[in-house]
Amino acid sequence: MNDDCTIKIAEDVTIVKILVEKCKRTKIIVPASTKITTSVVEIWRCDDVEFHTSIEIGTLQADICALADTPRAL
């Protein structure tokens, strides 16, 4: 569980997928050099999580999550 933090994936890494659980007021940054082999991001039981990336995400699944305000494109 992470609250009030920023998590940045390392540059130039290859990962299978990104899983985020029970985070609050958290910013997740995925650099353009990161490769996600499945193109999957799963977020669940989170409140006010920001996800920043310029890479293609094939599936973004968010379950049991709440937003602090209206969703917006970044």
Protein backbone atom coordinates (compact mmCIF):
# COMPACT_ATOMS: atom_id res chain seq x y z
CA MET A 1 0.00 0.00 0.00
CA ASN A 2 1.30 3.47 -0.93
CA ASP A 3 -0.18 6.82 0.07
CA ASP A 4 0.83 10.29 -1.11
CA CYS A 5 3.76 9.19 -3.26
CA THR A 6 5.19 9.02 -6.76
CA ILE A 7 6.36 5.72 -8.24
CA LYS A 8 8.56 5.84 -11.34
CA ILE A 9 9.37 2.71 -13.31
CA ALA A 10 13.07 2.53 -14.22
CA GLU A 11 14.23 3.59 -17.68
CA ASP A 12 14.89 0.96 -20.35
CA VAL A 13 13.32 -2.03 -18.57
CA THR A 14 11.00 -4.74 -19.84
CA ILE A 15 8.21 -5.89 -17.54
CA VAL A 16 5.29 -8.28 -18.01
CA LYS A 17 2.51 -6.04 -16.65
CA ILE A 18 1.86 -3.34 -14.06
CA LEU A 19 -0.28 -4.21 -11.03
CA VAL A 20 -1.33 -1.50 -8.58
CA GLU A 21 -3.31 -2.29 -5.41
CA LYS A 22 -4.52 -0.25 -2.39
CA CYS A 23 -2.81 3.03 -3.27
CA LYS A 24 -4.10 6.50 -2.38
CA ARG A 25 -3.08 9.83 -3.91
CA THR A 26 -0.33 8.11 -5.89
CA LYS A 27 1.26 9.08 -9.19
CA ILE A 28 2.69 6.30 -11.37
CA ILE A 29 5.13 7.32 -14.12
CA VAL A 30 6.12 4.92 -16.90
CA PRO A 31 8.94 6.27 -19.11
CA ALA A 32 8.75 6.03 -22.91
CA SER A 33 11.68 3.56 -22.89
CA THR A 34 9.75 1.02 -20.76
CA LYS A 35 8.36 -2.06 -22.49
CA ILE A 36 5.31 -3.88 -21.09
CA THR A 37 5.22 -7.24 -22.90
CA THR A 38 1.48 -7.84 -22.32
CA SER A 39 0.49 -4.14 -22.65
CA VAL A 40 -1.65 -4.64 -19.51
CA VAL A 41 -2.09 -2.33 -16.50
CA GLU A 42 -4.38 -3.40 -13.63
CA ILE A 43 -5.38 -1.01 -10.86
CA TRP A 44 -7.69 -2.06 -8.02
CA ARG A 45 -8.83 -0.87 -4.61
CA CYS A 46 -7.19 2.52 -5.21
CA ASP A 47 -8.21 6.13 -4.63
CA ASP A 48 -6.97 9.08 -6.70
CA VAL A 49 -4.23 7.35 -8.70
CA GLU A 50 -2.65 9.18 -11.64
CA PHE A 51 -1.05 7.11 -14.40
CA HIS A 52 1.37 8.93 -16.71
CA THR A 53 2.91 7.36 -19.80
CA SER A 54 3.44 7.92 -23.50
CA ILE A 55 3.69 4.22 -24.39
CA GLU A 56 0.78 2.24 -25.79
CA ILE A 57 -1.35 0.43 -23.21
CA GLY A 58 -3.54 -2.30 -24.70
CA THR A 59 -5.64 -2.93 -21.57
CA LEU A 60 -6.15 -0.64 -18.59
CA GLN A 61 -8.39 -2.28 -16.01
CA ALA A 62 -9.50 -0.34 -12.92
CA ASP A 63 -11.71 -2.08 -10.35
CA ILE A 64 -13.10 -0.78 -7.06
CA CYS A 65 -11.41 2.61 -7.49
CA ALA A 66 -12.41 6.18 -6.67
CA LEU A 67 -11.28 9.46 -8.22
CA ALA A 68 -10.73 12.73 -6.39
CA ASP A 69 -12.32 14.65 -9.25
CA THR A 70 -13.50 14.26 -12.85
CA PRO A 71 -11.36 11.98 -15.07
CA ARG A 72 -9.33 13.88 -17.66
CA ALA A 73 -6.92 13.16 -20.46
CA LEU A 74 -3.30 14.02 -19.72
